[in-house]
Amino acid sequence: MQYNLFPKCPFYALTGYKCPGCGSQRAIHDLLNFDFYNAWRQNFLVVIAIPYIITGLSFEYNKNPTPKILKWRKILFGYKAIIIVFIIVVSFWIIRNY
């Protein structure tokens, strides 16, 4: 079913190539309806990113982090992690268009 309510991806409209976010609205909709298979098919990067984002938010809003939590925060969200996430997103972008 097609709806004109949601905006189209400008990158896809201009180039014909999917960006890393293409399909994320449909994937989130599928996740909210517990349709994990179709969510994975639409955009598996979003499916993987949601737990990562929730983890980051829990680290951010923890009022009294323990040394162990601070260690994991640095591992998962430090400088090296930023580079790794960037490489994953760019790789996903390239691979999904082949």
C-alpha atoms as a PDB file:
ATOM      1  CA  MET A   1       0.000   0.000   0.000  1.00  0.00           C
ATOM      2  CA  GLN A   2       1.364   3.434  -0.944  1.00  0.00           C
ATOM      3  CA  TYR A   3       0.805   6.605   1.078  1.00  0.00           C
ATOM      4  CA  ASN A   4       1.772  10.098  -0.011  1.00  0.00           C
ATOM      5  CA  LEU A   5       1.801  11.313   3.594  1.00  0.00           C
ATOM      6  CA  PHE A   6       5.495  10.612   4.170  1.00  0.00           C
ATOM      7  CA  PRO A   7       8.210  12.493   2.276  1.00  0.00           C
ATOM      8  CA  LYS A   8      10.326  10.672  -0.274  1.00  0.00           C
ATOM      9  CA  CYS A   9      14.062  10.361   0.213  1.00  0.00           C
ATOM     10  CA  PRO A  10      15.696  13.300  -1.611  1.00  0.00           C
ATOM     11  CA  PHE A  11      18.909  11.325  -2.208  1.00  0.00           C
ATOM     12  CA  TYR A  12      16.967   8.472  -3.822  1.00  0.00           C
ATOM     13  CA  ALA A  13      14.854  10.919  -5.847  1.00  0.00           C
ATOM     14  CA  LEU A  14      17.973  12.652  -7.213  1.00  0.00           C
ATOM     15  CA  THR A  15      20.281   9.680  -7.775  1.00  0.00           C
ATOM     16  CA  GLY A  16      18.182   6.513  -7.870  1.00  0.00           C
ATOM     17  CA  TYR A  17      20.413   5.032  -5.152  1.00  0.00           C
ATOM     18  CA  LYS A  18      19.204   4.162  -1.652  1.00  0.00           C
ATOM     19  CA  CYS A  19      20.716   6.027   1.267  1.00  0.00           C
ATOM     20  CA  PRO A  20      21.396   4.306   4.625  1.00  0.00           C
ATOM     21  CA  GLY A  21      18.064   5.609   5.925  1.00  0.00           C
ATOM     22  CA  CYS A  22      15.869   4.423   3.058  1.00  0.00           C
ATOM     23  CA  GLY A  23      13.270   2.022   4.387  1.00  0.00           C
ATOM     24  CA  SER A  24      13.724   3.104   7.989  1.00  0.00           C
ATOM     25  CA  GLN A  25      10.153   4.404   8.357  1.00  0.00           C
ATOM     26  CA  ARG A  26       8.787   1.120   7.032  1.00  0.00           C
ATOM     27  CA  ALA A  27      11.202  -0.838   9.255  1.00  0.00           C
ATOM     28  CA  ILE A  28      10.109   1.054  12.371  1.00  0.00           C
ATOM     29  CA  HIS A  29       6.462   0.548  11.403  1.00  0.00           C
ATOM     30  CA  ASP A  30       7.110  -3.179  10.998  1.00  0.00           C
ATOM     31  CA  LEU A  31       8.903  -3.319  14.355  1.00  0.00           C
ATOM     32  CA  LEU A  32       5.986  -1.609  16.076  1.00  0.00           C
ATOM     33  CA  ASN A  33       3.746  -4.294  14.571  1.00  0.00           C
ATOM     34  CA  PHE A  34       6.142  -7.080  15.671  1.00  0.00           C
ATOM     35  CA  ASP A  35       6.915  -7.969  12.049  1.00  0.00           C
ATOM     36  CA  PHE A  36      10.640  -8.479  12.598  1.00  0.00           C
ATOM     37  CA  TYR A  37      11.236 -10.283   9.304  1.00  0.00           C
ATOM     38  CA  ASN A  38       9.949  -7.421   7.145  1.00  0.00           C
ATOM     39  CA  ALA A  39      11.637  -4.832   9.374  1.00  0.00           C
ATOM     40  CA  TRP A  40      14.935  -6.648   8.761  1.00  0.00           C
ATOM     41  CA  ARG A  41      14.235  -6.714   5.009  1.00  0.00           C
ATOM     42  CA  GLN A  42      13.374  -2.998   4.862  1.00  0.00           C
ATOM     43  CA  ASN A  43      16.451  -1.714   6.692  1.00  0.00           C
ATOM     44  CA  PHE A  44      18.408  -4.037   8.958  1.00  0.00           C
ATOM     45  CA  LEU A  45      20.722  -1.219  10.012  1.00  0.00           C
ATOM     46  CA  VAL A  46      17.805   0.465  11.799  1.00  0.00           C
ATOM     47  CA  VAL A  47      16.868  -2.813  13.489  1.00  0.00           C
ATOM     48  CA  ILE A  48      20.428  -3.093  14.803  1.00  0.00           C
ATOM     49  CA  ALA A  49      20.735   0.611  15.643  1.00  0.00           C
ATOM     50  CA  ILE A  50      17.677   0.859  17.894  1.00  0.00           C
ATOM     51  CA  PRO A  51      19.166  -1.225  20.770  1.00  0.00           C
ATOM     52  CA  TYR A  52      22.455   0.679  20.346  1.00  0.00           C
ATOM     53  CA  ILE A  53      20.635   4.018  20.639  1.00  0.00           C
ATOM     54  CA  ILE A  54      18.651   2.833  23.672  1.00  0.00           C
ATOM     55  CA  THR A  55      21.913   1.744  25.309  1.00  0.00           C
ATOM     56  CA  GLY A  56      23.410   5.174  24.640  1.00  0.00           C
ATOM     57  CA  LEU A  57      20.399   6.903  26.128  1.00  0.00           C
ATOM     58  CA  SER A  58      20.575   4.736  29.226  1.00  0.00           C
ATOM     59  CA  PHE A  59      24.251   5.652  29.644  1.00  0.00           C
ATOM     60  CA  GLU A  60      23.439   9.332  29.122  1.00  0.00           C
ATOM     61  CA  TYR A  61      20.647   9.494  31.679  1.00  0.00           C
ATOM     62  CA  ASN A  62      22.337   7.389  34.360  1.00  0.00           C
ATOM     63  CA  LYS A  63      22.815   9.822  37.257  1.00  0.00           C
ATOM     64  CA  ASN A  64      25.497   7.856  39.134  1.00  0.00           C
ATOM     65  CA  PRO A  65      27.491   5.705  36.715  1.00  0.00           C
ATOM     66  CA  THR A  66      29.789   3.097  38.187  1.00  0.00           C
ATOM     67  CA  PRO A  67      33.347   2.705  36.894  1.00  0.00           C
ATOM     68  CA  LYS A  68      32.189  -0.395  34.997  1.00  0.00           C
ATOM     69  CA  ILE A  69      29.416   1.580  33.255  1.00  0.00           C
ATOM     70  CA  LEU A  70      31.886   4.356  32.393  1.00  0.00           C
ATOM     71  CA  LYS A  71      34.239   1.760  30.913  1.00  0.00           C
ATOM     72  CA  TRP A  72      31.475   0.290  28.717  1.00  0.00           C
ATOM     73  CA  ARG A  73      30.331   3.772  27.719  1.00  0.00           C
ATOM     74  CA  LYS A  74      33.833   4.584  26.505  1.00  0.00           C
ATOM     75  CA  ILE A  75      34.074   1.277  24.624  1.00  0.00           C
ATOM     76  CA  LEU A  76      30.668   1.556  22.937  1.00  0.00           C
ATOM     77  CA  PHE A  77      30.533   5.324  22.372  1.00  0.00           C
ATOM     78  CA  GLY A  78      34.125   6.584  22.413  1.00  0.00           C
ATOM     79  CA  TYR A  79      36.181   7.888  19.500  1.00  0.00           C
ATOM     80  CA  LYS A  80      37.011   4.437  18.109  1.00  0.00           C
ATOM     81  CA  ALA A  81      33.343   3.433  18.281  1.00  0.00           C
ATOM     82  CA  ILE A  82      32.376   6.542  16.302  1.00  0.00           C
ATOM     83  CA  ILE A  83      34.820   5.577  13.549  1.00  0.00           C
ATOM     84  CA  ILE A  84      33.527   1.982  13.513  1.00  0.00           C
ATOM     85  CA  VAL A  85      29.885   3.119  13.327  1.00  0.00           C
ATOM     86  CA  PHE A  86      30.787   5.490  10.479  1.00  0.00           C
ATOM     87  CA  ILE A  87      32.493   2.663   8.565  1.00  0.00           C
ATOM     88  CA  ILE A  88      29.473   0.387   9.137  1.00  0.00           C
ATOM     89  CA  VAL A  89      27.028   3.018   7.838  1.00  0.00           C
ATOM     90  CA  VAL A  90      29.114   3.823   4.747  1.00  0.00           C
ATOM     91  CA  SER A  91      29.644   0.110   4.031  1.00  0.00           C
ATOM     92  CA  PHE A  92      25.905  -0.516   4.368  1.00  0.00           C
ATOM     93  CA  TRP A  93      25.252   2.391   2.013  1.00  0.00           C
ATOM     94  CA  ILE A  94      27.590   0.961  -0.641  1.00  0.00           C
ATOM     95  CA  ILE A  95      26.580  -2.696  -0.285  1.00  0.00           C
ATOM     96  CA  ARG A  96      22.814  -2.083  -0.391  1.00  0.00           C
ATOM     97  CA  ASN A  97      23.124  -0.407  -3.797  1.00  0.00           C
ATOM     98  CA  TYR A  98      24.753  -3.399  -5.522  1.00  0.00           C
END
